[in-house]
All heavy atoms as atom14 arrays in JSON, in Angstrom:
{
  "sequence": "CEGRVELEQEGTWGTVCDDGWDIPDADVVCRQLQCGHAVRAHGNATF",
  "atom14_mask": [
    [1, 1, 1, 1, 1, 1, 0, 0, 0, 0, 0, 0, 0, 0],
    [1, 1, 1, 1, 1, 1, 1, 1, 1, 0, 0, 0, 0, 0],
    [1, 1, 1, 1, 0, 0, 0, 0, 0, 0, 0, 0, 0, 0],
    [1, 1, 1, 1, 1, 1, 1, 1, 1, 1, 1, 0, 0, 0],
    [1, 1, 1, 1, 1, 1, 1, 0, 0, 0, 0, 0, 0, 0],
    [1, 1, 1, 1, 1, 1, 1, 1, 1, 0, 0, 0, 0, 0],
    [1, 1, 1, 1, 1, 1, 1, 1, 0, 0, 0, 0, 0, 0],
    [1, 1, 1, 1, 1, 1, 1, 1, 1, 0, 0, 0, 0, 0],
    [1, 1, 1, 1, 1, 1, 1, 1, 1, 0, 0, 0, 0, 0],
    [1, 1, 1, 1, 1, 1, 1, 1, 1, 0, 0, 0, 0, 0],
    [1, 1, 1, 1, 0, 0, 0, 0, 0, 0, 0, 0, 0, 0],
    [1, 1, 1, 1, 1, 1, 1, 0, 0, 0, 0, 0, 0, 0],
    [1, 1, 1, 1, 1, 1, 1, 1, 1, 1, 1, 1, 1, 1],
    [1, 1, 1, 1, 0, 0, 0, 0, 0, 0, 0, 0, 0, 0],
    [1, 1, 1, 1, 1, 1, 1, 0, 0, 0, 0, 0, 0, 0],
    [1, 1, 1, 1, 1, 1, 1, 0, 0, 0, 0, 0, 0, 0],
    [1, 1, 1, 1, 1, 1, 0, 0, 0, 0, 0, 0, 0, 0],
    [1, 1, 1, 1, 1, 1, 1, 1, 0, 0, 0, 0, 0, 0],
    [1, 1, 1, 1, 1, 1, 1, 1, 0, 0, 0, 0, 0, 0],
    [1, 1, 1, 1, 0, 0, 0, 0, 0, 0, 0, 0, 0, 0],
    [1, 1, 1, 1, 1, 1, 1, 1, 1, 1, 1, 1, 1, 1],
    [1, 1, 1, 1, 1, 1, 1, 1, 0, 0, 0, 0, 0, 0],
    [1, 1, 1, 1, 1, 1, 1, 1, 0, 0, 0, 0, 0, 0],
    [1, 1, 1, 1, 1, 1, 1, 0, 0, 0, 0, 0, 0, 0],
    [1, 1, 1, 1, 1, 1, 1, 1, 0, 0, 0, 0, 0, 0],
    [1, 1, 1, 1, 1, 0, 0, 0, 0, 0, 0, 0, 0, 0],
    [1, 1, 1, 1, 1, 1, 1, 1, 0, 0, 0, 0, 0, 0],
    [1, 1, 1, 1, 1, 1, 1, 0, 0, 0, 0, 0, 0, 0],
    [1, 1, 1, 1, 1, 1, 1, 0, 0, 0, 0, 0, 0, 0],
    [1, 1, 1, 1, 1, 1, 0, 0, 0, 0, 0, 0, 0, 0],
    [1, 1, 1, 1, 1, 1, 1, 1, 1, 1, 1, 0, 0, 0],
    [1, 1, 1, 1, 1, 1, 1, 1, 1, 0, 0, 0, 0, 0],
    [1, 1, 1, 1, 1, 1, 1, 1, 0, 0, 0, 0, 0, 0],
    [1, 1, 1, 1, 1, 1, 1, 1, 1, 0, 0, 0, 0, 0],
    [1, 1, 1, 1, 1, 1, 0, 0, 0, 0, 0, 0, 0, 0],
    [1, 1, 1, 1, 0, 0, 0, 0, 0, 0, 0, 0, 0, 0],
    [1, 1, 1, 1, 1, 1, 1, 1, 1, 1, 0, 0, 0, 0],
    [1, 1, 1, 1, 1, 0, 0, 0, 0, 0, 0, 0, 0, 0],
    [1, 1, 1, 1, 1, 1, 1, 0, 0, 0, 0, 0, 0, 0],
    [1, 1, 1, 1, 1, 1, 1, 1, 1, 1, 1, 0, 0, 0],
    [1, 1, 1, 1, 1, 0, 0, 0, 0, 0, 0, 0, 0, 0],
    [1, 1, 1, 1, 1, 1, 1, 1, 1, 1, 0, 0, 0, 0],
    [1, 1, 1, 1, 0, 0, 0, 0, 0, 0, 0, 0, 0, 0],
    [1, 1, 1, 1, 1, 1, 1, 1, 0, 0, 0, 0, 0, 0],
    [1, 1, 1, 1, 1, 0, 0, 0, 0, 0, 0, 0, 0, 0],
    [1, 1, 1, 1, 1, 1, 1, 0, 0, 0, 0, 0, 0, 0],
    [1, 1, 1, 1, 1, 1, 1, 1, 1, 1, 1, 0, 0, 0]
  ],
  "atom14_positions": [
    [[-5.21, 73.27, -33.06], [-5.19, 71.85, -33.23], [-6.52, 71.29, -33.58], [-6.84, 70.13, -33.35], [-4.62, 71.14, -31.99], [-2.85, 71.54, -31.7], [0.0, 0.0, 0.0], [0.0, 0.0, 0.0], [0.0, 0.0, 0.0], [0.0, 0.0, 0.0], [0.0, 0.0, 0.0], [0.0, 0.0, 0.0], [0.0, 0.0, 0.0], [0.0, 0.0, 0.0]],
    [[-7.38, 72.12, -34.13], [-8.72, 71.7, -34.58], [-9.1, 72.62, -35.73], [-8.87, 73.81, -35.71], [-9.73, 71.86, -33.39], [-11.17, 71.67, -33.86], [-12.18, 72.17, -32.8], [-12.44, 73.34, -32.73], [-12.66, 71.3, -32.06], [0.0, 0.0, 0.0], [0.0, 0.0, 0.0], [0.0, 0.0, 0.0], [0.0, 0.0, 0.0], [0.0, 0.0, 0.0]],
    [[-9.76, 72.06, -36.77], [-10.34, 72.9, -37.8], [-10.32, 72.27, -39.18], [-10.07, 71.09, -39.36], [0.0, 0.0, 0.0], [0.0, 0.0, 0.0], [0.0, 0.0, 0.0], [0.0, 0.0, 0.0], [0.0, 0.0, 0.0], [0.0, 0.0, 0.0], [0.0, 0.0, 0.0], [0.0, 0.0, 0.0], [0.0, 0.0, 0.0], [0.0, 0.0, 0.0]],
    [[-10.62, 73.11, -40.19], [-10.62, 72.76, -41.56], [-9.2, 72.65, -42.07], [-8.36, 73.56, -41.79], [-11.41, 73.82, -42.35], [-11.49, 73.59, -43.87], [-12.33, 74.73, -44.53], [-11.76, 76.01, -44.34], [-12.26, 76.96, -43.52], [-13.29, 76.75, -42.82], [-11.66, 78.12, -43.4], [0.0, 0.0, 0.0], [0.0, 0.0, 0.0], [0.0, 0.0, 0.0]],
    [[-8.89, 71.59, -42.77], [-7.53, 71.38, -43.26], [-7.28, 72.32, -44.46], [-8.05, 72.25, -45.47], [-7.27, 69.9, -43.67], [-5.91, 69.73, -44.23], [-7.59, 68.99, -42.48], [0.0, 0.0, 0.0], [0.0, 0.0, 0.0], [0.0, 0.0, 0.0], [0.0, 0.0, 0.0], [0.0, 0.0, 0.0], [0.0, 0.0, 0.0], [0.0, 0.0, 0.0]],
    [[-6.23, 73.1, -44.36], [-5.87, 73.98, -45.49], [-4.39, 73.78, -45.83], [-3.55, 73.74, -44.93], [-6.13, 75.45, -45.12], [-7.64, 75.71, -44.91], [-7.99, 77.18, -44.83], [-7.05, 78.0, -44.66], [-9.21, 77.52, -44.89], [0.0, 0.0, 0.0], [0.0, 0.0, 0.0], [0.0, 0.0, 0.0], [0.0, 0.0, 0.0], [0.0, 0.0, 0.0]],
    [[-4.17, 73.68, -47.11], [-2.8, 73.49, -47.65], [-2.41, 74.68, -48.48], [-3.3, 75.36, -49.09], [-2.76, 72.25, -48.58], [-3.02, 70.89, -47.92], [-3.38, 69.93, -49.01], [-1.8, 70.45, -47.2], [0.0, 0.0, 0.0], [0.0, 0.0, 0.0], [0.0, 0.0, 0.0], [0.0, 0.0, 0.0], [0.0, 0.0, 0.0], [0.0, 0.0, 0.0]],
    [[-1.12, 74.94, -48.57], [-0.64, 76.08, -49.4], [0.08, 75.46, -50.64], [0.92, 74.6, -50.49], [0.28, 76.93, -48.64], [0.7, 78.22, -49.4], [1.74, 79.04, -48.63], [2.48, 78.45, -47.84], [1.81, 80.25, -48.85], [0.0, 0.0, 0.0], [0.0, 0.0, 0.0], [0.0, 0.0, 0.0], [0.0, 0.0, 0.0], [0.0, 0.0, 0.0]],
    [[-0.31, 75.95, -51.8], [0.41, 75.53, -53.02], [0.7, 76.81, -53.85], [-0.21, 77.52, -54.22], [-0.48, 74.59, -53.81], [0.2, 73.95, -55.04], [-0.66, 72.82, -55.64], [-1.83, 72.92, -55.68], [0.02, 71.78, -56.12], [0.0, 0.0, 0.0], [0.0, 0.0, 0.0], [0.0, 0.0, 0.0], [0.0, 0.0, 0.0], [0.0, 0.0, 0.0]],
    [[2.0, 77.03, -54.03], [2.44, 78.21, -54.82], [1.8, 79.48, -54.35], [1.28, 80.27, -55.14], [2.17, 77.97, -56.32], [3.02, 76.86, -56.87], [2.52, 76.3, -58.22], [1.51, 76.85, -58.75], [3.09, 75.31, -58.72], [0.0, 0.0, 0.0], [0.0, 0.0, 0.0], [0.0, 0.0, 0.0], [0.0, 0.0, 0.0], [0.0, 0.0, 0.0]],
    [[1.79, 79.7, -53.03], [1.33, 80.9, -52.51], [-0.18, 81.01, -52.3], [-0.74, 82.03, -51.76], [0.0, 0.0, 0.0], [0.0, 0.0, 0.0], [0.0, 0.0, 0.0], [0.0, 0.0, 0.0], [0.0, 0.0, 0.0], [0.0, 0.0, 0.0], [0.0, 0.0, 0.0], [0.0, 0.0, 0.0], [0.0, 0.0, 0.0], [0.0, 0.0, 0.0]],
    [[-0.95, 80.02, -52.69], [-2.43, 80.06, -52.59], [-2.86, 78.96, -51.62], [-2.42, 77.82, -51.72], [-3.12, 79.78, -53.96], [-2.66, 80.75, -54.87], [-4.62, 79.88, -53.82], [0.0, 0.0, 0.0], [0.0, 0.0, 0.0], [0.0, 0.0, 0.0], [0.0, 0.0, 0.0], [0.0, 0.0, 0.0], [0.0, 0.0, 0.0], [0.0, 0.0, 0.0]],
    [[-3.74, 79.35, -50.7], [-4.29, 78.37, -49.72], [-5.54, 77.71, -50.32], [-6.4, 78.4, -50.92], [-4.62, 79.06, -48.38], [-3.44, 79.44, -47.61], [-2.77, 80.66, -47.63], [-2.7, 78.6, -46.7], [-1.68, 80.61, -46.78], [-1.62, 79.37, -46.17], [-2.9, 77.3, -46.28], [-0.71, 78.84, -45.26], [-1.96, 76.79, -45.36], [-0.91, 77.57, -44.85]],
    [[-5.62, 76.4, -50.12], [-6.79, 75.67, -50.59], [-7.17, 74.59, -49.55], [-6.56, 74.48, -48.5], [0.0, 0.0, 0.0], [0.0, 0.0, 0.0], [0.0, 0.0, 0.0], [0.0, 0.0, 0.0], [0.0, 0.0, 0.0], [0.0, 0.0, 0.0], [0.0, 0.0, 0.0], [0.0, 0.0, 0.0], [0.0, 0.0, 0.0], [0.0, 0.0, 0.0]],
    [[-8.16, 73.79, -49.93], [-8.74, 72.84, -48.96], [-8.62, 71.42, -49.52], [-8.09, 71.17, -50.63], [-10.22, 73.13, -48.72], [-10.94, 73.01, -49.93], [-10.44, 74.54, -48.14], [0.0, 0.0, 0.0], [0.0, 0.0, 0.0], [0.0, 0.0, 0.0], [0.0, 0.0, 0.0], [0.0, 0.0, 0.0], [0.0, 0.0, 0.0], [0.0, 0.0, 0.0]],
    [[-9.08, 70.46, -48.71], [-9.02, 69.05, -48.99], [-10.46, 68.51, -49.08], [-11.29, 68.82, -48.18], [-8.25, 68.29, -47.95], [-8.27, 66.78, -48.21], [-6.79, 68.76, -47.92], [0.0, 0.0, 0.0], [0.0, 0.0, 0.0], [0.0, 0.0, 0.0], [0.0, 0.0, 0.0], [0.0, 0.0, 0.0], [0.0, 0.0, 0.0], [0.0, 0.0, 0.0]],
    [[-10.78, 67.72, -50.07], [-12.16, 67.16, -50.19], [-12.28, 65.96, -49.22], [-11.34, 65.22, -49.05], [-12.4, 66.71, -51.63], [-14.05, 66.09, -51.85], [0.0, 0.0, 0.0], [0.0, 0.0, 0.0], [0.0, 0.0, 0.0], [0.0, 0.0, 0.0], [0.0, 0.0, 0.0], [0.0, 0.0, 0.0], [0.0, 0.0, 0.0], [0.0, 0.0, 0.0]],
    [[-13.53, 65.76, -48.68], [-13.7, 64.74, -47.69], [-13.9, 63.34, -48.26], [-14.11, 62.37, -47.48], [-14.85, 65.1, -46.74], [-16.21, 65.14, -47.47], [-16.32, 64.73, -48.63], [-17.15, 65.62, -46.81], [0.0, 0.0, 0.0], [0.0, 0.0, 0.0], [0.0, 0.0, 0.0], [0.0, 0.0, 0.0], [0.0, 0.0, 0.0], [0.0, 0.0, 0.0]],
    [[-13.88, 63.16, -49.54], [-14.02, 61.78, -50.15], [-12.85, 60.91, -49.62], [-11.69, 61.24, -49.87], [-13.98, 61.82, -51.66], [-15.16, 62.59, -52.28], [-16.16, 62.75, -51.58], [-15.09, 62.93, -53.44], [0.0, 0.0, 0.0], [0.0, 0.0, 0.0], [0.0, 0.0, 0.0], [0.0, 0.0, 0.0], [0.0, 0.0, 0.0], [0.0, 0.0, 0.0]],
    [[-13.18, 59.84, -48.95], [-12.14, 58.94, -48.41], [-11.36, 59.5, -47.23], [-10.42, 58.85, -46.81], [0.0, 0.0, 0.0], [0.0, 0.0, 0.0], [0.0, 0.0, 0.0], [0.0, 0.0, 0.0], [0.0, 0.0, 0.0], [0.0, 0.0, 0.0], [0.0, 0.0, 0.0], [0.0, 0.0, 0.0], [0.0, 0.0, 0.0], [0.0, 0.0, 0.0]],
    [[-11.79, 60.65, -46.67], [-11.05, 61.24, -45.51], [-11.34, 60.44, -44.31], [-12.5, 60.27, -43.9], [-11.52, 62.7, -45.35], [-10.78, 63.48, -44.38], [-11.2, 63.85, -43.1], [-9.41, 63.96, -44.45], [-10.21, 64.56, -42.48], [-9.15, 64.66, -43.26], [-8.47, 63.9, -45.46], [-7.89, 65.23, -43.04], [-7.24, 64.53, -45.26], [-6.94, 65.2, -44.03]],
    [[-10.29, 59.97, -43.61], [-10.48, 59.15, -42.42], [-9.36, 59.43, -41.39], [-8.52, 60.27, -41.59], [-10.53, 57.67, -42.8], [-9.31, 57.2, -43.56], [-8.3, 57.91, -43.56], [-9.37, 56.08, -44.18], [0.0, 0.0, 0.0], [0.0, 0.0, 0.0], [0.0, 0.0, 0.0], [0.0, 0.0, 0.0], [0.0, 0.0, 0.0], [0.0, 0.0, 0.0]],
    [[-9.4, 58.61, -40.32], [-8.48, 58.85, -39.18], [-6.98, 58.76, -39.58], [-6.2, 59.66, -39.2], [-8.78, 57.92, -38.01], [-10.1, 58.36, -37.27], [-7.62, 57.88, -37.01], [-9.99, 59.6, -36.49], [0.0, 0.0, 0.0], [0.0, 0.0, 0.0], [0.0, 0.0, 0.0], [0.0, 0.0, 0.0], [0.0, 0.0, 0.0], [0.0, 0.0, 0.0]],
    [[-6.52, 57.77, -40.43], [-5.09, 57.81, -40.79], [-4.72, 59.11, -41.52], [-3.61, 59.6, -41.31], [-4.99, 56.59, -41.75], [-6.04, 55.68, -41.29], [-7.2, 56.57, -40.89], [0.0, 0.0, 0.0], [0.0, 0.0, 0.0], [0.0, 0.0, 0.0], [0.0, 0.0, 0.0], [0.0, 0.0, 0.0], [0.0, 0.0, 0.0], [0.0, 0.0, 0.0]],
    [[-5.62, 59.66, -42.35], [-5.3, 60.96, -43.05], [-5.2, 62.04, -41.98], [-4.3, 62.85, -42.02], [-6.46, 61.29, -44.02], [-6.7, 60.21, -45.07], [-5.76, 59.54, -45.44], [-7.9, 60.07, -45.48], [0.0, 0.0, 0.0], [0.0, 0.0, 0.0], [0.0, 0.0, 0.0], [0.0, 0.0, 0.0], [0.0, 0.0, 0.0], [0.0, 0.0, 0.0]],
    [[-6.19, 62.08, -41.07], [-6.16, 63.13, -40.06], [-4.94, 63.01, -39.12], [-4.42, 63.99, -38.66], [-7.47, 63.04, -39.23], [0.0, 0.0, 0.0], [0.0, 0.0, 0.0], [0.0, 0.0, 0.0], [0.0, 0.0, 0.0], [0.0, 0.0, 0.0], [0.0, 0.0, 0.0], [0.0, 0.0, 0.0], [0.0, 0.0, 0.0], [0.0, 0.0, 0.0]],
    [[-4.53, 61.78, -38.85], [-3.37, 61.57, -38.0], [-2.1, 62.24, -38.58], [-1.32, 62.82, -37.84], [-3.05, 60.05, -37.95], [-3.55, 59.45, -36.61], [-3.71, 60.19, -35.63], [-3.67, 58.22, -36.57], [0.0, 0.0, 0.0], [0.0, 0.0, 0.0], [0.0, 0.0, 0.0], [0.0, 0.0, 0.0], [0.0, 0.0, 0.0], [0.0, 0.0, 0.0]],
    [[-1.92, 62.17, -39.89], [-0.77, 62.77, -40.56], [-0.84, 64.26, -40.35], [0.19, 64.89, -40.02], [-0.75, 62.39, -42.07], [0.37, 63.18, -42.78], [-0.51, 60.85, -42.19], [0.0, 0.0, 0.0], [0.0, 0.0, 0.0], [0.0, 0.0, 0.0], [0.0, 0.0, 0.0], [0.0, 0.0, 0.0], [0.0, 0.0, 0.0], [0.0, 0.0, 0.0]],
    [[-2.04, 64.87, -40.51], [-2.16, 66.31, -40.29], [-1.83, 66.69, -38.85], [-1.06, 67.63, -38.61], [-3.63, 66.73, -40.63], [-3.87, 68.18, -40.19], [-3.89, 66.58, -42.13], [0.0, 0.0, 0.0], [0.0, 0.0, 0.0], [0.0, 0.0, 0.0], [0.0, 0.0, 0.0], [0.0, 0.0, 0.0], [0.0, 0.0, 0.0], [0.0, 0.0, 0.0]],
    [[-2.4, 65.96, -37.89], [-2.14, 66.33, -36.46], [-0.62, 66.21, -36.13], [-0.08, 67.06, -35.44], [-2.96, 65.36, -35.59], [-4.74, 65.64, -35.65], [0.0, 0.0, 0.0], [0.0, 0.0, 0.0], [0.0, 0.0, 0.0], [0.0, 0.0, 0.0], [0.0, 0.0, 0.0], [0.0, 0.0, 0.0], [0.0, 0.0, 0.0], [0.0, 0.0, 0.0]],
    [[-0.01, 65.14, -36.65], [1.41, 64.97, -36.3], [2.25, 66.05, -36.96], [3.19, 66.56, -36.38], [1.88, 63.57, -36.75], [2.91, 63.0, -35.78], [3.27, 61.57, -36.05], [3.37, 61.23, -37.43], [2.45, 60.44, -38.02], [1.44, 59.94, -37.34], [2.6, 60.14, -39.27], [0.0, 0.0, 0.0], [0.0, 0.0, 0.0], [0.0, 0.0, 0.0]],
    [[1.89, 66.41, -38.22], [2.65, 67.42, -38.9], [2.56, 68.76, -38.19], [3.51, 69.57, -38.2], [2.06, 67.55, -40.37], [2.9, 68.3, -41.36], [2.29, 68.28, -42.74], [1.48, 67.41, -43.06], [2.68, 69.27, -43.53], [0.0, 0.0, 0.0], [0.0, 0.0, 0.0], [0.0, 0.0, 0.0], [0.0, 0.0, 0.0], [0.0, 0.0, 0.0]],
    [[1.46, 69.07, -37.53], [1.24, 70.32, -36.83], [1.7, 70.19, -35.37], [1.47, 71.15, -34.59], [-0.23, 70.69, -36.86], [-0.72, 71.13, -38.25], [-2.25, 71.33, -38.22], [-0.07, 72.41, -38.71], [0.0, 0.0, 0.0], [0.0, 0.0, 0.0], [0.0, 0.0, 0.0], [0.0, 0.0, 0.0], [0.0, 0.0, 0.0], [0.0, 0.0, 0.0]],
    [[2.29, 69.08, -34.97], [2.67, 68.82, -33.57], [1.48, 68.96, -32.63], [1.56, 69.58, -31.55], [3.84, 69.74, -33.18], [5.07, 69.47, -33.99], [6.22, 70.34, -33.62], [6.1, 71.54, -33.49], [7.42, 69.75, -33.49], [0.0, 0.0, 0.0], [0.0, 0.0, 0.0], [0.0, 0.0, 0.0], [0.0, 0.0, 0.0], [0.0, 0.0, 0.0]],
    [[0.36, 68.37, -33.08], [-0.88, 68.41, -32.27], [-1.27, 67.02, -31.76], [-2.43, 66.76, -31.51], [-1.99, 69.0, -33.12], [-1.92, 70.79, -33.39], [0.0, 0.0, 0.0], [0.0, 0.0, 0.0], [0.0, 0.0, 0.0], [0.0, 0.0, 0.0], [0.0, 0.0, 0.0], [0.0, 0.0, 0.0], [0.0, 0.0, 0.0], [0.0, 0.0, 0.0]],
    [[-0.28, 66.09, -31.69], [-0.61, 64.79, -31.18], [-1.15, 63.9, -32.32], [-0.69, 63.95, -33.44], [0.0, 0.0, 0.0], [0.0, 0.0, 0.0], [0.0, 0.0, 0.0], [0.0, 0.0, 0.0], [0.0, 0.0, 0.0], [0.0, 0.0, 0.0], [0.0, 0.0, 0.0], [0.0, 0.0, 0.0], [0.0, 0.0, 0.0], [0.0, 0.0, 0.0]],
    [[-2.23, 63.16, -32.01], [-2.81, 62.37, -33.06], [-4.29, 62.73, -33.18], [-4.83, 63.49, -32.4], [-2.61, 60.84, -32.87], [-3.11, 60.35, -31.53], [-4.37, 59.92, -31.37], [-2.47, 60.22, -30.32], [-4.55, 59.54, -30.09], [-3.44, 59.71, -29.46], [0.0, 0.0, 0.0], [0.0, 0.0, 0.0], [0.0, 0.0, 0.0], [0.0, 0.0, 0.0]],
    [[-4.99, 62.09, -34.17], [-6.34, 62.51, -34.49], [-7.34, 61.87, -33.54], [-7.3, 60.7, -33.23], [-6.67, 62.13, -35.91], [0.0, 0.0, 0.0], [0.0, 0.0, 0.0], [0.0, 0.0, 0.0], [0.0, 0.0, 0.0], [0.0, 0.0, 0.0], [0.0, 0.0, 0.0], [0.0, 0.0, 0.0], [0.0, 0.0, 0.0], [0.0, 0.0, 0.0]],
    [[-8.29, 62.67, -33.05], [-9.42, 62.15, -32.28], [-10.61, 61.99, -33.25], [-11.35, 61.01, -33.18], [-9.83, 63.16, -31.16], [-10.99, 62.61, -30.4], [-8.67, 63.5, -30.29], [0.0, 0.0, 0.0], [0.0, 0.0, 0.0], [0.0, 0.0, 0.0], [0.0, 0.0, 0.0], [0.0, 0.0, 0.0], [0.0, 0.0, 0.0], [0.0, 0.0, 0.0]],
    [[-10.81, 62.94, -34.17], [-11.88, 62.84, -35.16], [-11.42, 63.35, -36.54], [-10.6, 64.19, -36.64], [-13.07, 63.71, -34.73], [-13.65, 63.28, -33.4], [-14.99, 63.89, -33.11], [-15.34, 63.64, -31.72], [-15.28, 64.52, -30.74], [-14.89, 65.76, -31.01], [-15.62, 64.18, -29.51], [0.0, 0.0, 0.0], [0.0, 0.0, 0.0], [0.0, 0.0, 0.0]],
    [[-11.98, 62.68, -37.55], [-11.79, 63.12, -38.94], [-13.15, 63.56, -39.45], [-14.05, 62.77, -39.64], [-11.22, 61.96, -39.79], [0.0, 0.0, 0.0], [0.0, 0.0, 0.0], [0.0, 0.0, 0.0], [0.0, 0.0, 0.0], [0.0, 0.0, 0.0], [0.0, 0.0, 0.0], [0.0, 0.0, 0.0], [0.0, 0.0, 0.0], [0.0, 0.0, 0.0]],
    [[-13.3, 64.88, -39.68], [-14.63, 65.44, -40.04], [-14.71, 65.69, -41.55], [-13.72, 66.02, -42.18], [-14.87, 66.76, -39.34], [-15.27, 66.6, -37.9], [-16.42, 66.01, -37.5], [-14.61, 66.99, -36.74], [-16.5, 66.03, -36.18], [-15.43, 66.62, -35.67], [0.0, 0.0, 0.0], [0.0, 0.0, 0.0], [0.0, 0.0, 0.0], [0.0, 0.0, 0.0]],
    [[-15.9, 65.56, -42.07], [-16.21, 65.94, -43.45], [-17.34, 66.98, -43.46], [-17.66, 67.56, -42.41], [0.0, 0.0, 0.0], [0.0, 0.0, 0.0], [0.0, 0.0, 0.0], [0.0, 0.0, 0.0], [0.0, 0.0, 0.0], [0.0, 0.0, 0.0], [0.0, 0.0, 0.0], [0.0, 0.0, 0.0], [0.0, 0.0, 0.0], [0.0, 0.0, 0.0]],
    [[-17.88, 67.2, -44.64], [-19.08, 68.09, -44.79], [-18.88, 69.46, -44.24], [-19.81, 70.05, -43.65], [-20.32, 67.41, -44.16], [-20.63, 66.09, -44.76], [-20.44, 65.9, -45.99], [-21.04, 65.13, -44.0], [0.0, 0.0, 0.0], [0.0, 0.0, 0.0], [0.0, 0.0, 0.0], [0.0, 0.0, 0.0], [0.0, 0.0, 0.0], [0.0, 0.0, 0.0]],
    [[-17.68, 70.0, -44.35], [-17.39, 71.4, -43.93], [-17.84, 71.66, -42.51], [-18.45, 72.72, -42.24], [-18.04, 72.38, -44.93], [0.0, 0.0, 0.0], [0.0, 0.0, 0.0], [0.0, 0.0, 0.0], [0.0, 0.0, 0.0], [0.0, 0.0, 0.0], [0.0, 0.0, 0.0], [0.0, 0.0, 0.0], [0.0, 0.0, 0.0], [0.0, 0.0, 0.0]],
    [[-17.54, 70.73, -41.63], [-17.9, 70.87, -40.21], [-17.37, 72.22, -39.63], [-18.03, 72.84, -38.82], [-17.26, 69.72, -39.38], [-17.78, 68.5, -39.85], [-17.5, 69.88, -37.88], [0.0, 0.0, 0.0], [0.0, 0.0, 0.0], [0.0, 0.0, 0.0], [0.0, 0.0, 0.0], [0.0, 0.0, 0.0], [0.0, 0.0, 0.0], [0.0, 0.0, 0.0]],
    [[-16.21, 72.69, -40.08], [-15.62, 73.92, -39.55], [-15.84, 75.06, -40.53], [-15.06, 76.04, -40.57], [-14.15, 73.69, -39.28], [-13.88, 72.7, -38.21], [-13.49, 71.38, -38.53], [-14.13, 72.96, -36.87], [-13.29, 70.42, -37.58], [-13.89, 72.03, -35.88], [-13.55, 70.76, -36.21], [0.0, 0.0, 0.0], [0.0, 0.0, 0.0], [0.0, 0.0, 0.0]]
  ]
}
């Protein structure tokens, strides 16, 4: 329930750029993973 956001598209894993990345975006990720809601939305490759 913590880390760098990675998505799969056509069998390849990729990442999300932090431009405009904020708590509402992170909330969707946390809920999708059944991890509650977002405490922090990190950029700059924190993980």
